[in-house]
Amino acid sequence: MRKMISTLVRSGLAGAALLAASGAALAQTAWVLPSAYPPANYHVENLMQFAKDVETASGGKLKITVHPSASLFKAPDIKRAVQTGQAQAGEVLISLHENENPVFGIDVVPFLATSFDASRKLYAASKPAIEKALDAQGLKLLYAAPWPPQGIFTKKDVNSTADLKGLKWRAYNVGTSRIADLVGAQPVTVQAAELPQALATGVIDGLMTSSATGVDSKIWESLTHYYDTQAWIPKNVIFVNKAAFAGLDPAVQKAVTDAAAAAETRGWALGAEKTSAYMETLKKNGMKVLEPSADLKKGLADVGAKLTEDWLKKAGADGAAILDAYKKM
């Protein structure tokens, strides 16, 4: 009899443990977070750390799985996927969506903010407007992180903007398309995940992008020159579906926002830290890393002035208020 009771007790304890484990599993919320960039890119590494921090701080109640390399959704589709609940969170280059709202494109207005310090101030000035615009679309801004400054990649000498005429110019947002128009280049839409193939097949032979993207795409296999124009410092933003966030316990919500704040601080530090390393990688792989000539600087400044004027016309009073706040910082 005692043996039978002991067996029943052990069975009962095992069953209770199984039920507890099952309950814990059911209590865990699982999110997916798509990104367009490769796993070795520092933005994705930062996302991975963010996801890890959330899981730790929430005691395992929220698990976020990052899907890099546009494996879940292509870059232009990520934002819509989060809005519609196909993904709970996502990372995008915010300027991809400038057509929806001009405030999403302020960080790619050429020569408006050309250092990390200036870019951080521009972000602070524009953040309330960006948050408001995302909120109206059912999204909550979590954090933003910068890319290195943008330069020009070609396979020929570029001494003035006239030398850009006729190039098959990679365009990925409104600003880069307008630059092509203004310098007489041919804009070709190519997103980050498609860039290596576009370079290898000659679909493009000129572009303005960061040294980070240049390294990610092994750009030296197709192009030869890099001009460090520091035209602008674009940002990725990470956001969450508002309904998905609202469905979390308050403690888990805090875990997400705390981890996001840490990721933003880390992301800005990484952007500055990685820039010099990327430049060295370009040089080691045979790229000519050059300072722009005075003529090229002047031509690009003229382009920048025109694009600032264009942006202000679209952004109206809200845009003027952002620029006024930025200039006072």
Protein backbone atom coordinates (compact mmCIF):
# COMPACT_ATOMS: atom_id res chain seq x y z
CA MET A 1 0.00 0.00 0.00
CA ARG A 2 2.80 2.42 0.95
CA LYS A 3 4.55 1.66 -2.36
CA MET A 4 1.36 2.42 -4.25
CA ILE A 5 0.85 5.70 -2.37
CA SER A 6 4.47 6.67 -3.02
CA THR A 7 4.03 5.95 -6.71
CA LEU A 8 0.85 8.00 -6.83
CA VAL A 9 2.53 10.90 -5.03
CA ARG A 10 5.47 10.84 -7.48
CA SER A 11 3.05 10.68 -10.40
CA GLY A 12 1.07 13.56 -8.95
CA LEU A 13 4.19 15.67 -8.48
CA ALA A 14 5.37 14.90 -11.99
CA GLY A 15 1.95 15.82 -13.35
CA ALA A 16 1.96 19.07 -11.40
CA ALA A 17 5.40 19.91 -12.72
CA LEU A 18 4.25 19.17 -16.25
CA LEU A 19 1.20 21.39 -15.81
CA ALA A 20 3.36 24.15 -14.35
CA ALA A 21 5.77 23.93 -17.26
CA SER A 22 2.85 23.94 -19.67
CA GLY A 23 1.40 26.97 -17.92
CA ALA A 24 4.73 28.79 -18.12
CA ALA A 25 4.93 28.04 -21.83
CA LEU A 26 1.40 29.31 -22.36
CA ALA A 27 2.23 32.48 -20.42
CA GLN A 28 5.08 33.37 -22.78
CA THR A 29 4.27 35.85 -25.54
CA ALA A 30 6.20 35.44 -28.80
CA TRP A 31 6.91 38.34 -31.17
CA VAL A 32 8.70 38.49 -34.51
CA LEU A 33 10.83 41.48 -35.49
CA PRO A 34 11.90 41.70 -39.15
CA SER A 35 14.96 43.65 -40.31
CA ALA A 36 16.37 44.20 -43.79
CA TYR A 37 20.04 43.93 -42.80
CA PRO A 38 22.48 41.01 -42.45
CA PRO A 39 23.22 39.39 -39.07
CA ALA A 40 26.74 40.87 -38.85
CA ASN A 41 25.48 44.43 -39.28
CA TYR A 42 25.67 46.40 -36.04
CA HIS A 43 22.00 47.41 -36.26
CA VAL A 44 20.99 43.75 -36.23
CA GLU A 45 23.49 42.94 -33.47
CA ASN A 46 21.87 45.74 -31.47
CA LEU A 47 18.42 44.29 -32.19
CA MET A 48 19.57 40.87 -30.99
CA GLN A 49 20.81 42.40 -27.73
CA PHE A 50 17.55 44.32 -27.36
CA ALA A 51 15.56 41.09 -27.76
CA LYS A 52 17.79 39.31 -25.25
CA ASP A 53 17.41 42.16 -22.74
CA VAL A 54 13.62 42.09 -23.08
CA GLU A 55 13.45 38.34 -22.50
CA THR A 56 15.71 38.59 -19.45
CA ALA A 57 13.97 41.60 -17.92
CA SER A 58 10.51 40.12 -18.50
CA GLY A 59 11.47 36.84 -16.87
CA GLY A 60 10.86 35.03 -20.13
CA LYS A 61 7.32 36.37 -20.51
CA LEU A 62 8.16 38.00 -23.85
CA LYS A 63 10.39 36.39 -26.46
CA ILE A 64 11.29 38.45 -29.54
CA THR A 65 12.73 36.62 -32.55
CA VAL A 66 14.71 38.85 -34.92
CA HIS A 67 14.53 37.94 -38.62
CA PRO A 68 17.45 39.65 -40.47
CA SER A 69 18.35 39.95 -44.19
CA ALA A 70 14.79 40.78 -45.30
CA SER A 71 14.02 37.08 -44.78
CA LEU A 72 10.52 37.71 -43.45
CA PHE A 73 9.54 40.91 -45.28
CA LYS A 74 11.36 43.13 -47.75
CA ALA A 75 12.47 46.51 -46.41
CA PRO A 76 9.59 48.58 -47.88
CA ASP A 77 7.03 46.09 -46.56
CA ILE A 78 8.17 45.84 -42.93
CA LYS A 79 6.32 48.89 -41.65
CA ARG A 80 3.04 47.81 -43.22
CA ALA A 81 3.50 44.30 -41.81
CA VAL A 82 3.74 45.72 -38.30
CA GLN A 83 0.78 48.05 -38.84
CA THR A 84 -1.39 45.11 -39.92
CA GLY A 85 -0.19 42.78 -37.15
CA GLN A 86 1.68 40.35 -39.42
CA ALA A 87 4.71 41.19 -37.28
CA GLN A 88 4.56 42.68 -33.80
CA ALA A 89 7.66 44.89 -34.16
CA GLY A 90 10.02 45.94 -36.91
CA GLU A 91 13.07 47.93 -37.93
CA VAL A 92 13.11 50.23 -40.96
CA LEU A 93 15.15 53.00 -42.49
CA ILE A 94 12.58 55.67 -41.67
CA SER A 95 13.27 57.74 -44.79
CA LEU A 96 11.86 54.89 -46.90
CA HIS A 97 8.45 56.23 -45.89
CA GLU A 98 8.92 59.93 -46.57
CA ASN A 99 6.11 59.78 -49.13
CA GLU A 100 3.70 59.00 -46.27
CA ASN A 101 4.82 61.94 -44.14
CA PRO A 102 7.65 64.45 -44.75
CA VAL A 103 8.88 64.19 -41.14
CA PHE A 104 10.06 60.65 -41.92
CA GLY A 105 12.58 62.12 -44.36
CA ILE A 106 14.13 64.93 -42.37
CA ASP A 107 17.30 63.01 -41.52
CA VAL A 108 18.16 62.52 -45.22
CA VAL A 109 18.01 66.18 -46.22
CA PRO A 110 21.61 66.59 -47.44
CA PHE A 111 24.02 68.65 -45.35
CA LEU A 112 21.42 69.54 -42.72
CA ALA A 113 23.11 67.39 -40.04
CA THR A 114 26.55 66.08 -40.95
CA SER A 115 27.93 64.86 -37.62
CA PHE A 116 26.62 62.42 -35.03
CA ASP A 117 26.22 65.26 -32.53
CA ALA A 118 24.21 67.34 -35.01
CA SER A 119 22.18 64.30 -36.06
CA ARG A 120 21.30 63.53 -32.44
CA LYS A 121 20.04 67.10 -32.04
CA LEU A 122 18.01 66.85 -35.25
CA TYR A 123 16.47 63.63 -33.97
CA ALA A 124 15.58 65.28 -30.66
CA ALA A 125 13.94 68.16 -32.52
CA SER A 126 11.96 65.87 -34.82
CA LYS A 127 11.18 62.99 -32.44
CA PRO A 128 7.81 64.35 -31.15
CA ALA A 129 6.56 64.76 -34.73
CA ILE A 130 7.82 61.30 -35.72
CA GLU A 131 6.16 59.73 -32.67
CA LYS A 132 2.89 61.51 -33.46
CA ALA A 133 2.95 60.37 -37.10
CA LEU A 134 3.67 56.75 -36.16
CA ASP A 135 1.02 56.81 -33.43
CA ALA A 136 -1.60 57.84 -35.98
CA GLN A 137 -0.63 54.74 -37.98
CA GLY A 138 -1.04 52.38 -35.04
CA LEU A 139 2.65 52.21 -34.17
CA LYS A 140 4.67 53.05 -31.08
CA LEU A 141 8.24 54.30 -31.52
CA LEU A 142 10.70 52.28 -29.43
CA TYR A 143 14.08 53.68 -30.43
CA ALA A 144 16.22 55.06 -33.25
CA ALA A 145 19.84 54.36 -34.19
CA PRO A 146 22.05 56.05 -36.81
CA TRP A 147 24.00 54.83 -39.79
CA PRO A 148 27.48 56.21 -40.55
CA PRO A 149 27.57 59.39 -42.67
CA GLN A 150 26.68 59.01 -46.34
CA GLY A 151 29.33 59.17 -49.06
CA ILE A 152 29.51 58.58 -52.80
CA PHE A 153 30.65 55.26 -54.27
CA THR A 154 31.63 55.08 -57.97
CA LYS A 155 34.13 53.38 -60.24
CA LYS A 156 35.57 56.61 -61.62
CA ASP A 157 36.97 59.94 -60.47
CA VAL A 158 34.33 62.43 -59.36
CA ASN A 159 35.59 66.00 -59.15
CA SER A 160 32.26 67.78 -59.44
CA THR A 161 28.56 66.94 -59.57
CA ALA A 162 28.86 67.09 -63.37
CA ASP A 163 30.83 63.83 -63.18
CA LEU A 164 27.75 62.11 -61.73
CA LYS A 165 25.74 62.77 -64.86
CA GLY A 166 24.60 59.59 -66.61
CA LEU A 167 25.44 57.24 -63.75
CA LYS A 168 22.97 54.47 -62.97
CA TRP A 169 22.34 55.80 -59.47
CA ARG A 170 20.93 53.68 -56.68
CA ALA A 171 17.79 55.24 -55.21
CA TYR A 172 16.11 53.95 -52.06
CA ASN A 173 14.08 56.93 -50.90
CA VAL A 174 12.74 60.29 -52.06
CA GLY A 175 15.98 62.13 -51.30
CA THR A 176 18.31 59.84 -53.24
CA SER A 177 15.93 59.90 -56.22
CA ARG A 178 15.90 63.71 -56.18
CA ILE A 179 19.70 63.84 -56.00
CA ALA A 180 19.82 61.72 -59.15
CA ASP A 181 17.39 64.10 -60.87
CA LEU A 182 19.36 67.19 -59.89
CA VAL A 183 22.78 65.89 -61.00
CA GLY A 184 21.53 64.20 -64.17
CA ALA A 185 21.99 60.61 -63.03
CA GLN A 186 19.54 57.79 -63.73
CA PRO A 187 17.73 56.69 -60.53
CA VAL A 188 17.33 52.93 -60.08
CA THR A 189 15.42 51.67 -57.03
CA VAL A 190 17.52 49.12 -55.13
CA GLN A 191 16.98 48.14 -51.48
CA ALA A 192 19.81 47.06 -49.17
CA ALA A 193 19.21 43.32 -49.46
CA GLU A 194 19.31 43.56 -53.28
CA LEU A 195 22.43 45.75 -53.43
CA PRO A 196 25.16 43.10 -53.90
CA GLN A 197 23.38 41.58 -56.90
CA ALA A 198 22.62 45.01 -58.41
CA LEU A 199 26.30 45.93 -58.15
CA ALA A 200 27.54 42.60 -59.50
CA THR A 201 25.24 42.73 -62.53
CA GLY A 202 25.85 46.40 -63.35
CA VAL A 203 22.30 47.48 -62.61
CA ILE A 204 23.89 50.43 -60.79
CA ASP A 205 27.34 52.00 -61.03
CA GLY A 206 27.01 54.85 -58.55
CA LEU A 207 25.34 55.43 -55.22
CA MET A 208 25.31 57.46 -52.06
CA THR A 209 25.26 55.30 -48.95
CA SER A 210 27.13 54.61 -45.74
CA SER A 211 30.49 52.91 -45.34
CA ALA A 212 28.58 50.25 -43.36
CA THR A 213 26.43 49.32 -46.35
CA GLY A 214 29.55 49.39 -48.49
CA VAL A 215 31.18 46.78 -46.26
CA ASP A 216 28.00 44.70 -45.95
CA SER A 217 27.75 44.47 -49.74
CA LYS A 218 31.51 44.02 -50.37
CA ILE A 219 31.24 47.01 -52.65
CA TRP A 220 34.93 46.86 -53.57
CA GLU A 221 34.15 43.89 -55.78
CA SER A 222 32.30 46.24 -58.16
CA LEU A 223 33.30 49.86 -57.45
CA THR A 224 36.63 51.57 -56.77
CA HIS A 225 36.14 55.06 -55.31
CA TYR A 226 34.54 56.34 -52.11
CA TYR A 227 34.13 60.08 -51.51
CA ASP A 228 33.59 60.91 -47.84
CA THR A 229 31.00 63.64 -48.37
CA GLN A 230 29.25 63.12 -45.01
CA ALA A 231 26.05 64.23 -46.72
CA TRP A 232 23.66 63.09 -44.02
CA ILE A 233 23.28 60.55 -41.22
CA PRO A 234 20.14 58.48 -41.73
CA LYS A 235 18.41 56.54 -38.97
CA ASN A 236 16.72 53.23 -38.52
CA VAL A 237 13.69 53.32 -36.28
CA ILE A 238 12.33 50.38 -34.33
CA PHE A 239 8.63 50.38 -33.57
CA VAL A 240 5.94 48.09 -32.24
CA ASN A 241 2.30 47.53 -33.11
CA LYS A 242 0.35 49.57 -30.53
CA ALA A 243 -2.24 46.86 -29.96
CA ALA A 244 0.46 44.23 -29.39
CA PHE A 245 2.20 46.52 -26.90
CA ALA A 246 -1.07 47.31 -25.11
CA GLY A 247 -1.67 43.57 -24.68
CA LEU A 248 1.43 43.18 -22.53
CA ASP A 249 1.44 43.29 -18.73
CA PRO A 250 2.68 46.66 -17.40
CA ALA A 251 5.86 45.05 -16.09
CA VAL A 252 6.59 43.55 -19.50
CA GLN A 253 5.86 46.88 -21.18
CA LYS A 254 8.46 48.45 -18.91
CA ALA A 255 10.94 45.71 -19.84
CA VAL A 256 10.44 46.62 -23.51
CA THR A 257 10.79 50.39 -23.06
CA ASP A 258 13.80 50.06 -20.74
CA ALA A 259 15.53 47.72 -23.20
CA ALA A 260 14.68 50.13 -26.04
CA ALA A 261 16.24 53.07 -24.17
CA ALA A 262 19.42 51.03 -23.64
CA ALA A 263 19.44 49.97 -27.31
CA GLU A 264 19.14 53.58 -28.45
CA THR A 265 22.10 54.67 -26.33
CA ARG A 266 24.09 51.66 -27.53
CA GLY A 267 23.08 52.23 -31.17
CA TRP A 268 24.31 55.82 -31.27
CA ALA A 269 27.60 54.81 -29.67
CA LEU A 270 28.00 51.94 -32.14
CA GLY A 271 27.31 54.19 -35.12
CA ALA A 272 30.20 56.48 -34.21
CA GLU A 273 32.49 53.62 -33.19
CA LYS A 274 31.90 51.54 -36.30
CA THR A 275 32.34 54.37 -38.81
CA SER A 276 36.14 54.50 -38.59
CA ALA A 277 36.36 50.69 -38.64
CA TYR A 278 34.24 50.50 -41.80
CA MET A 279 36.41 53.13 -43.49
CA GLU A 280 39.52 51.09 -42.72
CA THR A 281 37.86 47.97 -44.12
CA LEU A 282 37.14 49.80 -47.38
CA LYS A 283 40.80 50.87 -47.63
CA LYS A 284 42.13 47.40 -46.83
CA ASN A 285 40.06 45.99 -49.67
CA GLY A 286 41.49 48.39 -52.22
CA MET A 287 38.91 51.17 -52.25
CA LYS A 288 40.21 54.69 -52.85
CA VAL A 289 38.83 56.60 -49.87
CA LEU A 290 38.94 60.27 -50.81
CA GLU A 291 37.93 63.70 -49.55
CA PRO A 292 35.57 65.51 -51.92
CA SER A 293 37.05 68.37 -53.94
CA ALA A 294 35.98 71.97 -53.36
CA ASP A 295 33.93 71.87 -56.59
CA LEU A 296 32.17 68.66 -55.54
CA LYS A 297 31.44 70.11 -52.08
CA LYS A 298 29.96 73.25 -53.61
CA GLY A 299 27.82 71.30 -56.07
CA LEU A 300 26.52 69.02 -53.34
CA ALA A 301 25.83 72.02 -51.07
CA ASP A 302 23.71 73.51 -53.86
CA VAL A 303 21.84 70.20 -54.14
CA GLY A 304 21.37 70.21 -50.37
CA ALA A 305 19.94 73.74 -50.39
CA LYS A 306 17.46 72.76 -53.10
CA LEU A 307 16.38 69.61 -51.25
CA THR A 308 15.97 71.53 -47.97
CA GLU A 309 13.71 73.96 -49.83
CA ASP A 310 11.75 71.04 -51.33
CA TRP A 311 11.38 69.39 -47.93
CA LEU A 312 10.12 72.56 -46.26
CA LYS A 313 7.48 73.01 -48.95
CA LYS A 314 6.17 69.52 -48.23
CA ALA A 315 6.50 69.68 -44.46
CA GLY A 316 4.92 73.11 -44.05
CA ALA A 317 4.58 74.68 -40.61
CA ASP A 318 5.49 71.43 -38.82
CA GLY A 319 8.74 71.21 -40.79
CA ALA A 320 9.61 74.84 -40.13
CA ALA A 321 9.01 74.30 -36.40
CA ILE A 322 11.35 71.28 -36.38
CA LEU A 323 14.12 73.21 -38.15
CA ASP A 324 13.68 76.19 -35.83
CA ALA A 325 13.97 73.91 -32.78
CA TYR A 326 17.02 72.21 -34.27
CA LYS A 327 18.81 75.48 -34.99
CA LYS A 328 18.30 76.59 -31.38
CA MET A 329 19.97 73.47 -29.92
